[in-house]
Amino acid sequence: MHYARAIVRGVGLVLLCTAAVAARAETFLIQADESGHEATIKIPVGAVATLSANSCESLTAGDPGAESMRLSGDVLISIAGSAQPIQIKADKIVLELTADELPEHKKPARGDSVSQQVLSSSTILTGANHSQVFLGNVVFNLQTASGPIEIKADRVEHQVTEHGKSEAGA
């Protein structure tokens, strides 16, 4: 009888730890640049869970392998296929939807964390709620099951939220 209780407690502890890891979320806040430079986000189409904006304009120039559009007004993009929820919020961006990676490329397993790397940034500041603010030629690369995401902007605020608290970006 005690053995069965120990197993139930052990399973409950594993489930609790799994829920704690799953409660982590990332948000990228992109604010429009006063100089007129537009932020560009490249996302594999299979990684887009939801997409909303007040205005959308189709663009013909750019990468022929991508569908490009200018989104403005309360832009919200939710990303699927990552270890934790990712949201991108902005006022105005250029979005390039690319094809998903071919199946022969390695895709992260369910337990893999999203890899991110700031390739360049002139300045890194601590923002409100322990977020990080990246200024000047910022480039983030994120990996999802559908392929890589690239965020290029002059200003990006990165927030990591866990259990209702914000933590500094990784």
N, C-alpha and C. Protein backbone atom coordinates (compact mmCIF):
# COMPACT_ATOMS: atom_id res chain seq x y z
N MET A 1 0.83 -1.19 0.00
CA MET A 1 0.00 0.00 0.00
C MET A 1 0.88 1.26 0.00
N HIS A 2 1.93 1.26 0.83
CA HIS A 2 2.83 2.42 0.88
C HIS A 2 3.57 2.59 -0.44
N TYR A 3 3.87 1.46 -1.09
CA TYR A 3 4.56 1.50 -2.38
C TYR A 3 3.70 2.21 -3.43
N ALA A 4 2.40 1.92 -3.44
CA ALA A 4 1.48 2.55 -4.40
C ALA A 4 1.38 4.05 -4.14
N ARG A 5 1.35 4.47 -2.89
CA ARG A 5 1.30 5.90 -2.56
C ARG A 5 2.57 6.60 -3.03
N ALA A 6 3.72 5.94 -2.86
CA ALA A 6 5.00 6.52 -3.29
C ALA A 6 5.01 6.70 -4.80
N ILE A 7 4.47 5.74 -5.53
CA ILE A 7 4.42 5.85 -6.99
C ILE A 7 3.50 7.01 -7.39
N VAL A 8 2.34 7.09 -6.77
CA VAL A 8 1.40 8.17 -7.08
C VAL A 8 2.03 9.52 -6.76
N ARG A 9 2.71 9.64 -5.63
CA ARG A 9 3.38 10.90 -5.27
C ARG A 9 4.48 11.22 -6.27
N GLY A 10 5.25 10.19 -6.67
CA GLY A 10 6.33 10.40 -7.63
C GLY A 10 5.80 10.87 -8.97
N VAL A 11 4.72 10.25 -9.45
CA VAL A 11 4.11 10.66 -10.72
C VAL A 11 3.57 12.08 -10.59
N GLY A 12 2.95 12.39 -9.47
CA GLY A 12 2.44 13.74 -9.24
C GLY A 12 3.55 14.78 -9.25
N LEU A 13 4.70 14.45 -8.67
CA LEU A 13 5.84 15.36 -8.65
C LEU A 13 6.38 15.59 -10.06
N VAL A 14 6.46 14.52 -10.86
CA VAL A 14 6.92 14.65 -12.25
C VAL A 14 5.96 15.54 -13.03
N LEU A 15 4.66 15.32 -12.88
CA LEU A 15 3.67 16.15 -13.57
C LEU A 15 3.76 17.60 -13.13
N LEU A 16 3.96 17.83 -11.85
CA LEU A 16 4.10 19.18 -11.33
C LEU A 16 5.33 19.87 -11.92
N CYS A 17 6.45 19.15 -11.99
CA CYS A 17 7.67 19.71 -12.58
C CYS A 17 7.47 20.00 -14.06
N THR A 18 6.78 19.13 -14.78
CA THR A 18 6.50 19.35 -16.19
C THR A 18 5.63 20.58 -16.37
N ALA A 19 4.63 20.76 -15.52
CA ALA A 19 3.77 21.94 -15.61
C ALA A 19 4.55 23.20 -15.32
N ALA A 20 5.51 23.13 -14.40
CA ALA A 20 6.32 24.31 -14.08
C ALA A 20 7.16 24.73 -15.28
N VAL A 21 7.72 23.77 -16.02
CA VAL A 21 8.51 24.09 -17.19
C VAL A 21 7.61 24.67 -18.28
N ALA A 22 6.41 24.11 -18.45
CA ALA A 22 5.50 24.55 -19.50
C ALA A 22 4.92 25.93 -19.22
N ALA A 23 4.99 26.41 -17.99
CA ALA A 23 4.41 27.70 -17.64
C ALA A 23 5.27 28.88 -18.09
N ARG A 24 6.44 28.62 -18.62
CA ARG A 24 7.36 29.66 -19.07
C ARG A 24 6.92 30.16 -20.45
N ALA A 25 6.91 31.47 -20.65
CA ALA A 25 6.52 32.05 -21.94
C ALA A 25 7.44 33.21 -22.29
N GLU A 26 7.63 33.43 -23.58
CA GLU A 26 8.46 34.53 -24.06
C GLU A 26 7.63 35.49 -24.88
N THR A 27 7.90 36.78 -24.71
CA THR A 27 7.25 37.82 -25.50
C THR A 27 8.31 38.76 -26.05
N PHE A 28 8.22 39.05 -27.33
CA PHE A 28 9.10 40.02 -27.99
C PHE A 28 8.24 41.22 -28.36
N LEU A 29 8.54 42.38 -27.77
CA LEU A 29 7.83 43.61 -28.07
C LEU A 29 8.69 44.45 -29.01
N ILE A 30 8.15 44.75 -30.18
CA ILE A 30 8.90 45.50 -31.19
C ILE A 30 8.20 46.83 -31.40
N GLN A 31 8.92 47.91 -31.11
CA GLN A 31 8.35 49.25 -31.29
C GLN A 31 8.88 49.87 -32.56
N ALA A 32 8.02 50.61 -33.24
CA ALA A 32 8.40 51.25 -34.49
C ALA A 32 9.54 52.24 -34.26
N ASP A 33 10.46 52.29 -35.21
CA ASP A 33 11.61 53.18 -35.15
C ASP A 33 11.20 54.55 -35.68
N GLU A 34 11.59 55.60 -34.99
CA GLU A 34 11.25 56.96 -35.41
C GLU A 34 11.91 57.34 -36.73
N SER A 35 13.03 56.68 -37.08
CA SER A 35 13.74 57.02 -38.31
C SER A 35 13.08 56.39 -39.54
N GLY A 36 12.06 55.56 -39.34
CA GLY A 36 11.35 54.97 -40.46
C GLY A 36 11.79 53.57 -40.83
N HIS A 37 12.83 53.03 -40.17
CA HIS A 37 13.24 51.65 -40.45
C HIS A 37 12.17 50.70 -39.96
N GLU A 38 11.83 49.72 -40.78
CA GLU A 38 10.82 48.75 -40.39
C GLU A 38 11.47 47.48 -39.86
N ALA A 39 10.90 46.94 -38.83
CA ALA A 39 11.34 45.65 -38.32
C ALA A 39 10.90 44.57 -39.30
N THR A 40 11.74 43.55 -39.48
CA THR A 40 11.42 42.44 -40.37
C THR A 40 11.44 41.15 -39.58
N ILE A 41 10.42 40.35 -39.76
CA ILE A 41 10.33 39.06 -39.08
C ILE A 41 10.11 37.99 -40.14
N LYS A 42 10.99 36.99 -40.16
CA LYS A 42 10.85 35.84 -41.06
C LYS A 42 10.40 34.65 -40.22
N ILE A 43 9.28 34.04 -40.63
CA ILE A 43 8.71 32.92 -39.88
C ILE A 43 8.27 31.83 -40.85
N PRO A 44 8.60 30.58 -40.57
CA PRO A 44 8.03 29.49 -41.38
C PRO A 44 6.52 29.46 -41.17
N VAL A 45 5.79 29.27 -42.25
CA VAL A 45 4.33 29.34 -42.18
C VAL A 45 3.74 28.36 -41.16
N GLY A 46 4.36 27.19 -41.00
CA GLY A 46 3.87 26.21 -40.04
C GLY A 46 4.08 26.59 -38.59
N ALA A 47 4.91 27.60 -38.33
CA ALA A 47 5.18 28.03 -36.96
C ALA A 47 4.17 29.08 -36.48
N VAL A 48 3.36 29.60 -37.38
CA VAL A 48 2.39 30.64 -37.01
C VAL A 48 1.12 29.98 -36.48
N ALA A 49 0.87 30.13 -35.18
CA ALA A 49 -0.35 29.59 -34.57
C ALA A 49 -1.51 30.56 -34.77
N THR A 50 -1.29 31.84 -34.46
CA THR A 50 -2.29 32.88 -34.71
C THR A 50 -1.59 34.14 -35.17
N LEU A 51 -2.32 34.92 -35.94
CA LEU A 51 -1.79 36.17 -36.48
C LEU A 51 -2.93 37.17 -36.55
N SER A 52 -2.70 38.36 -36.00
CA SER A 52 -3.72 39.40 -36.11
C SER A 52 -3.04 40.77 -36.23
N ALA A 53 -3.74 41.66 -36.93
CA ALA A 53 -3.28 43.04 -37.11
C ALA A 53 -4.47 43.86 -37.57
N ASN A 54 -4.42 45.16 -37.35
CA ASN A 54 -5.49 46.04 -37.81
C ASN A 54 -5.44 46.25 -39.32
N SER A 55 -4.22 46.19 -39.89
CA SER A 55 -4.05 46.45 -41.32
C SER A 55 -2.99 45.51 -41.89
N CYS A 56 -3.23 45.08 -43.14
CA CYS A 56 -2.29 44.19 -43.83
C CYS A 56 -2.17 44.65 -45.28
N GLU A 57 -0.92 44.81 -45.73
CA GLU A 57 -0.65 45.20 -47.11
C GLU A 57 0.30 44.17 -47.72
N SER A 58 -0.10 43.55 -48.83
CA SER A 58 0.74 42.56 -49.49
C SER A 58 1.89 43.27 -50.19
N LEU A 59 3.10 42.71 -50.09
CA LEU A 59 4.29 43.27 -50.73
C LEU A 59 4.78 42.30 -51.80
N THR A 60 5.19 42.84 -52.95
CA THR A 60 5.66 41.99 -54.04
C THR A 60 7.17 41.89 -54.09
N ALA A 61 7.88 42.87 -53.60
CA ALA A 61 9.35 42.85 -53.63
C ALA A 61 9.87 41.96 -52.51
N GLY A 62 11.11 41.53 -52.66
CA GLY A 62 11.74 40.74 -51.61
C GLY A 62 12.06 39.34 -52.07
N ASP A 63 12.19 38.44 -51.13
CA ASP A 63 12.56 37.04 -51.39
C ASP A 63 11.43 36.35 -52.16
N PRO A 64 11.72 35.77 -53.35
CA PRO A 64 10.69 35.09 -54.11
C PRO A 64 10.17 33.82 -53.43
N GLY A 65 10.91 33.28 -52.47
CA GLY A 65 10.48 32.09 -51.73
C GLY A 65 9.67 32.40 -50.50
N ALA A 66 9.30 33.67 -50.33
CA ALA A 66 8.54 34.08 -49.14
C ALA A 66 7.35 34.93 -49.54
N GLU A 67 6.30 34.86 -48.75
CA GLU A 67 5.13 35.72 -48.91
C GLU A 67 5.34 36.89 -47.97
N SER A 68 5.49 38.11 -48.51
CA SER A 68 5.79 39.28 -47.68
C SER A 68 4.57 40.17 -47.54
N MET A 69 4.43 40.73 -46.35
CA MET A 69 3.32 41.65 -46.08
C MET A 69 3.73 42.64 -45.00
N ARG A 70 3.15 43.82 -45.06
CA ARG A 70 3.35 44.85 -44.04
C ARG A 70 2.13 44.80 -43.12
N LEU A 71 2.38 44.58 -41.84
CA LEU A 71 1.32 44.53 -40.84
C LEU A 71 1.44 45.74 -39.94
N SER A 72 0.30 46.32 -39.58
CA SER A 72 0.35 47.48 -38.68
C SER A 72 -0.88 47.49 -37.78
N GLY A 73 -0.73 48.14 -36.64
CA GLY A 73 -1.81 48.30 -35.67
C GLY A 73 -2.07 47.06 -34.86
N ASP A 74 -1.59 47.03 -33.64
CA ASP A 74 -1.82 45.91 -32.70
C ASP A 74 -1.48 44.56 -33.33
N VAL A 75 -0.28 44.45 -33.86
CA VAL A 75 0.18 43.19 -34.45
C VAL A 75 0.45 42.19 -33.33
N LEU A 76 -0.07 40.98 -33.48
CA LEU A 76 0.16 39.91 -32.53
C LEU A 76 0.37 38.61 -33.31
N ILE A 77 1.52 37.98 -33.09
CA ILE A 77 1.84 36.71 -33.73
C ILE A 77 2.16 35.72 -32.62
N SER A 78 1.44 34.62 -32.59
CA SER A 78 1.72 33.53 -31.64
C SER A 78 2.42 32.42 -32.41
N ILE A 79 3.51 31.93 -31.83
CA ILE A 79 4.36 30.93 -32.48
C ILE A 79 4.08 29.55 -31.90
N ALA A 80 3.97 28.55 -32.79
CA ALA A 80 3.77 27.16 -32.40
C ALA A 80 5.05 26.37 -32.66
N GLY A 81 5.16 25.20 -32.05
CA GLY A 81 6.28 24.32 -32.33
C GLY A 81 7.54 24.62 -31.54
N SER A 82 7.39 25.26 -30.40
CA SER A 82 8.53 25.55 -29.54
C SER A 82 8.26 24.98 -28.16
N ALA A 83 9.30 24.90 -27.36
CA ALA A 83 9.17 24.31 -26.02
C ALA A 83 8.28 25.14 -25.11
N GLN A 84 8.24 26.46 -25.32
CA GLN A 84 7.39 27.33 -24.53
C GLN A 84 6.66 28.28 -25.47
N PRO A 85 5.53 28.83 -25.03
CA PRO A 85 4.80 29.77 -25.88
C PRO A 85 5.64 31.01 -26.20
N ILE A 86 5.56 31.45 -27.46
CA ILE A 86 6.25 32.66 -27.90
C ILE A 86 5.23 33.58 -28.55
N GLN A 87 5.26 34.85 -28.18
CA GLN A 87 4.43 35.86 -28.82
C GLN A 87 5.30 37.00 -29.30
N ILE A 88 4.92 37.56 -30.43
CA ILE A 88 5.57 38.75 -30.96
C ILE A 88 4.50 39.82 -31.05
N LYS A 89 4.76 40.96 -30.41
CA LYS A 89 3.81 42.08 -30.43
C LYS A 89 4.51 43.29 -31.03
N ALA A 90 3.78 44.03 -31.88
CA ALA A 90 4.39 45.18 -32.55
C ALA A 90 3.32 46.16 -33.00
N ASP A 91 3.78 47.37 -33.36
CA ASP A 91 2.91 48.36 -33.96
C ASP A 91 2.93 48.26 -35.47
N LYS A 92 4.13 47.99 -36.02
CA LYS A 92 4.30 47.94 -37.47
C LYS A 92 5.52 47.08 -37.80
N ILE A 93 5.33 46.08 -38.68
CA ILE A 93 6.42 45.20 -39.08
C ILE A 93 6.25 44.78 -40.54
N VAL A 94 7.33 44.24 -41.11
CA VAL A 94 7.25 43.52 -42.37
C VAL A 94 7.39 42.05 -42.01
N LEU A 95 6.40 41.25 -42.40
CA LEU A 95 6.39 39.83 -42.10
C LEU A 95 6.68 39.06 -43.38
N GLU A 96 7.64 38.15 -43.30
CA GLU A 96 7.96 37.27 -44.42
C GLU A 96 7.66 35.84 -43.98
N LEU A 97 6.63 35.25 -44.59
CA LEU A 97 6.29 33.86 -44.31
C LEU A 97 7.08 32.98 -45.26
N THR A 98 7.89 32.08 -44.71
CA THR A 98 8.73 31.20 -45.52
C THR A 98 8.19 29.78 -45.46
N ALA A 99 8.69 28.94 -46.33
CA ALA A 99 8.30 27.53 -46.33
C ALA A 99 8.88 26.85 -45.10
N ASP A 100 8.18 25.83 -44.62
CA ASP A 100 8.68 25.04 -43.50
C ASP A 100 9.94 24.29 -43.93
N GLU A 101 10.80 23.96 -42.96
CA GLU A 101 11.99 23.16 -43.26
C GLU A 101 11.57 21.79 -43.75
N LEU A 102 12.39 21.19 -44.58
CA LEU A 102 12.13 19.84 -45.06
C LEU A 102 12.28 18.85 -43.91
N PRO A 103 11.54 17.73 -43.95
CA PRO A 103 11.58 16.77 -42.84
C PRO A 103 12.96 16.22 -42.53
N GLU A 104 13.89 16.18 -43.50
CA GLU A 104 15.21 15.60 -43.20
C GLU A 104 16.05 16.49 -42.30
N HIS A 105 15.67 17.77 -42.14
CA HIS A 105 16.39 18.63 -41.19
C HIS A 105 15.98 18.25 -39.78
N LYS A 106 16.92 18.35 -38.84
CA LYS A 106 16.61 18.02 -37.44
C LYS A 106 15.63 19.03 -36.88
N LYS A 107 14.58 18.51 -36.30
CA LYS A 107 13.60 19.35 -35.63
C LYS A 107 13.72 19.11 -34.13
N PRO A 108 13.48 20.15 -33.32
CA PRO A 108 13.60 19.94 -31.88
C PRO A 108 12.54 18.96 -31.38
N ALA A 109 12.91 18.13 -30.44
CA ALA A 109 11.96 17.23 -29.80
C ALA A 109 11.09 18.03 -28.85
N ARG A 110 10.02 17.42 -28.39
CA ARG A 110 9.06 18.11 -27.53
C ARG A 110 9.73 18.74 -26.31
N GLY A 111 10.72 18.08 -25.73
CA GLY A 111 11.38 18.58 -24.53
C GLY A 111 12.50 19.57 -24.81
N ASP A 112 12.91 19.71 -26.09
CA ASP A 112 14.00 20.64 -26.40
C ASP A 112 13.55 22.07 -26.16
N SER A 113 14.45 22.89 -25.69
CA SER A 113 14.12 24.30 -25.51
C SER A 113 14.40 25.04 -26.81
N VAL A 114 13.76 26.17 -26.97
CA VAL A 114 13.98 26.99 -28.15
C VAL A 114 15.35 27.63 -28.01
N SER A 115 16.15 27.53 -29.06
CA SER A 115 17.45 28.17 -28.99
C SER A 115 17.30 29.59 -29.49
N GLN A 116 17.88 30.50 -28.80
CA GLN A 116 17.83 31.88 -29.25
C GLN A 116 19.20 32.47 -29.12
N GLN A 117 19.47 33.41 -29.99
CA GLN A 117 20.78 34.03 -29.97
C GLN A 117 20.62 35.46 -30.46
N VAL A 118 21.15 36.39 -29.72
CA VAL A 118 21.20 37.77 -30.18
C VAL A 118 22.49 37.88 -30.97
N LEU A 119 22.38 38.04 -32.26
CA LEU A 119 23.58 38.10 -33.09
C LEU A 119 24.24 39.46 -33.03
N SER A 120 23.43 40.49 -32.90
CA SER A 120 24.01 41.83 -32.77
C SER A 120 23.04 42.75 -32.06
N SER A 121 23.59 43.66 -31.29
CA SER A 121 22.82 44.68 -30.60
C SER A 121 23.81 45.70 -30.08
N SER A 122 23.55 46.96 -30.36
CA SER A 122 24.46 48.02 -29.91
C SER A 122 24.42 48.18 -28.40
N THR A 123 23.23 48.05 -27.81
CA THR A 123 23.05 48.30 -26.38
C THR A 123 22.04 47.32 -25.81
N ILE A 124 22.29 46.84 -24.59
CA ILE A 124 21.33 46.00 -23.89
C ILE A 124 21.03 46.68 -22.56
N LEU A 125 19.75 46.97 -22.31
CA LEU A 125 19.31 47.63 -21.08
C LEU A 125 18.35 46.73 -20.32
N THR A 126 18.22 46.95 -19.02
CA THR A 126 17.20 46.27 -18.24
C THR A 126 15.94 47.11 -18.30
N GLY A 127 14.84 46.48 -18.72
CA GLY A 127 13.57 47.19 -18.85
C GLY A 127 12.68 46.95 -17.65
N ALA A 128 11.43 47.36 -17.77
CA ALA A 128 10.45 47.16 -16.71
C ALA A 128 10.21 45.66 -16.52
N ASN A 129 9.83 45.26 -15.33
CA ASN A 129 9.53 43.87 -15.00
C ASN A 129 10.67 42.92 -15.34
N HIS A 130 11.90 43.36 -15.16
CA HIS A 130 13.09 42.54 -15.38
C HIS A 130 13.25 42.07 -16.82
N SER A 131 12.67 42.78 -17.77
CA SER A 131 12.85 42.43 -19.17
C SER A 131 14.19 42.99 -19.64
N GLN A 132 14.59 42.60 -20.85
CA GLN A 132 15.79 43.15 -21.46
C GLN A 132 15.37 43.92 -22.71
N VAL A 133 15.98 45.08 -22.90
CA VAL A 133 15.71 45.90 -24.08
C VAL A 133 16.98 45.92 -24.91
N PHE A 134 16.86 45.50 -26.16
CA PHE A 134 17.97 45.45 -27.10
C PHE A 134 17.81 46.60 -28.08
N LEU A 135 18.86 47.42 -28.25
CA LEU A 135 18.80 48.60 -29.11
C LEU A 135 19.88 48.52 -30.19
N GLY A 136 19.55 48.95 -31.40
CA GLY A 136 20.53 49.09 -32.47
C GLY A 136 20.87 47.82 -33.20
N ASN A 137 20.34 47.63 -34.38
CA ASN A 137 20.65 46.48 -35.25
C ASN A 137 20.50 45.15 -34.52
N VAL A 138 19.35 44.93 -33.94
CA VAL A 138 19.08 43.72 -33.16
C VAL A 138 18.69 42.58 -34.10
N VAL A 139 19.26 41.40 -33.87
CA VAL A 139 18.88 40.20 -34.62
C VAL A 139 18.70 39.07 -33.62
N PHE A 140 17.50 38.49 -33.58
CA PHE A 140 17.22 37.30 -32.78
C PHE A 140 16.98 36.14 -33.73
N ASN A 141 17.55 34.98 -33.43
CA ASN A 141 17.25 33.75 -34.15
C ASN A 141 16.61 32.80 -33.15
N LEU A 142 15.46 32.24 -33.51
CA LEU A 142 14.75 31.28 -32.67
C LEU A 142 14.50 30.04 -33.50
N GLN A 143 14.52 28.88 -32.88
CA GLN A 143 14.27 27.64 -33.60
C GLN A 143 12.93 27.06 -33.19
N THR A 144 12.13 26.65 -34.18
CA THR A 144 10.87 25.96 -33.93
C THR A 144 10.88 24.65 -34.69
N ALA A 145 9.87 23.82 -34.49
CA ALA A 145 9.77 22.55 -35.20
C ALA A 145 9.60 22.76 -36.70
N SER A 146 9.09 23.91 -37.12
CA SER A 146 8.88 24.21 -38.55
C SER A 146 10.09 24.85 -39.20
N GLY A 147 11.05 25.29 -38.39
CA GLY A 147 12.24 25.94 -38.92
C GLY A 147 12.59 27.19 -38.13
N PRO A 148 13.60 27.92 -38.59
CA PRO A 148 14.08 29.08 -37.84
C PRO A 148 13.19 30.32 -38.02
N ILE A 149 13.17 31.13 -36.97
CA ILE A 149 12.51 32.44 -37.00
C ILE A 149 13.62 33.46 -36.85
N GLU A 150 13.52 34.55 -37.59
CA GLU A 150 14.50 35.63 -37.48
C GLU A 150 13.76 36.94 -37.25
N ILE A 151 14.17 37.66 -36.21
CA ILE A 151 13.62 38.97 -35.90
C ILE A 151 14.74 39.98 -36.08
N LYS A 152 14.52 40.97 -36.96
CA LYS A 152 15.49 42.06 -37.17
C LYS A 152 14.77 43.36 -36.89
N ALA A 153 15.35 44.16 -35.98
CA ALA A 153 14.72 45.43 -35.61
C ALA A 153 15.76 46.35 -34.98
N ASP A 154 15.39 47.60 -34.81
CA ASP A 154 16.26 48.54 -34.12
C ASP A 154 16.04 48.53 -32.61
N ARG A 155 14.84 48.04 -32.19
CA ARG A 155 14.54 47.99 -30.75
C ARG A 155 13.62 46.80 -30.48
N VAL A 156 14.06 45.91 -29.57
CA VAL A 156 13.25 44.75 -29.19
C VAL A 156 13.30 44.63 -27.67
N GLU A 157 12.15 44.53 -27.05
CA GLU A 157 12.07 44.24 -25.62
C GLU A 157 11.72 42.77 -25.48
N HIS A 158 12.54 42.03 -24.74
CA HIS A 158 12.36 40.59 -24.57
C HIS A 158 11.92 40.33 -23.14
N GLN A 159 10.76 39.66 -22.99
CA GLN A 159 10.24 39.33 -21.68
C GLN A 159 10.08 37.83 -21.57
N VAL A 160 10.51 37.27 -20.44
CA VAL A 160 10.28 35.86 -20.14
C VAL A 160 9.42 35.82 -18.90
N THR A 161 8.28 35.17 -19.00
CA THR A 161 7.35 35.10 -17.89
C THR A 161 7.26 33.67 -17.41
N GLU A 162 7.37 33.48 -16.10
CA GLU A 162 7.28 32.16 -15.51
C GLU A 162 6.47 32.26 -14.24
N HIS A 163 5.40 31.48 -14.15
CA HIS A 163 4.54 31.46 -12.96
C HIS A 163 4.04 32.85 -12.59
N GLY A 164 3.67 33.64 -13.60
CA GLY A 164 3.13 34.97 -13.32
C GLY A 164 4.18 36.02 -13.03
N LYS A 165 5.48 35.65 -13.06
CA LYS A 165 6.55 36.61 -12.81
C LYS A 165 7.33 36.80 -14.09
N SER A 166 7.95 37.95 -14.27
CA SER A 166 8.81 38.19 -15.41
C SER A 166 10.25 37.98 -14.99
N GLU A 167 11.03 37.41 -15.93
CA GLU A 167 12.47 37.22 -15.69
C GLU A 167 13.23 37.89 -16.81
N ALA A 168 14.49 38.19 -16.58
CA ALA A 168 15.34 38.76 -17.64
C ALA A 168 15.45 37.77 -18.77
N GLY A 169 15.53 38.27 -20.01
CA GLY A 169 15.65 37.41 -21.19
C GLY A 169 16.92 36.60 -21.14
N ALA A 170 16.84 35.44 -21.76
CA ALA A 170 17.99 34.53 -21.71
C ALA A 170 19.08 34.97 -22.64
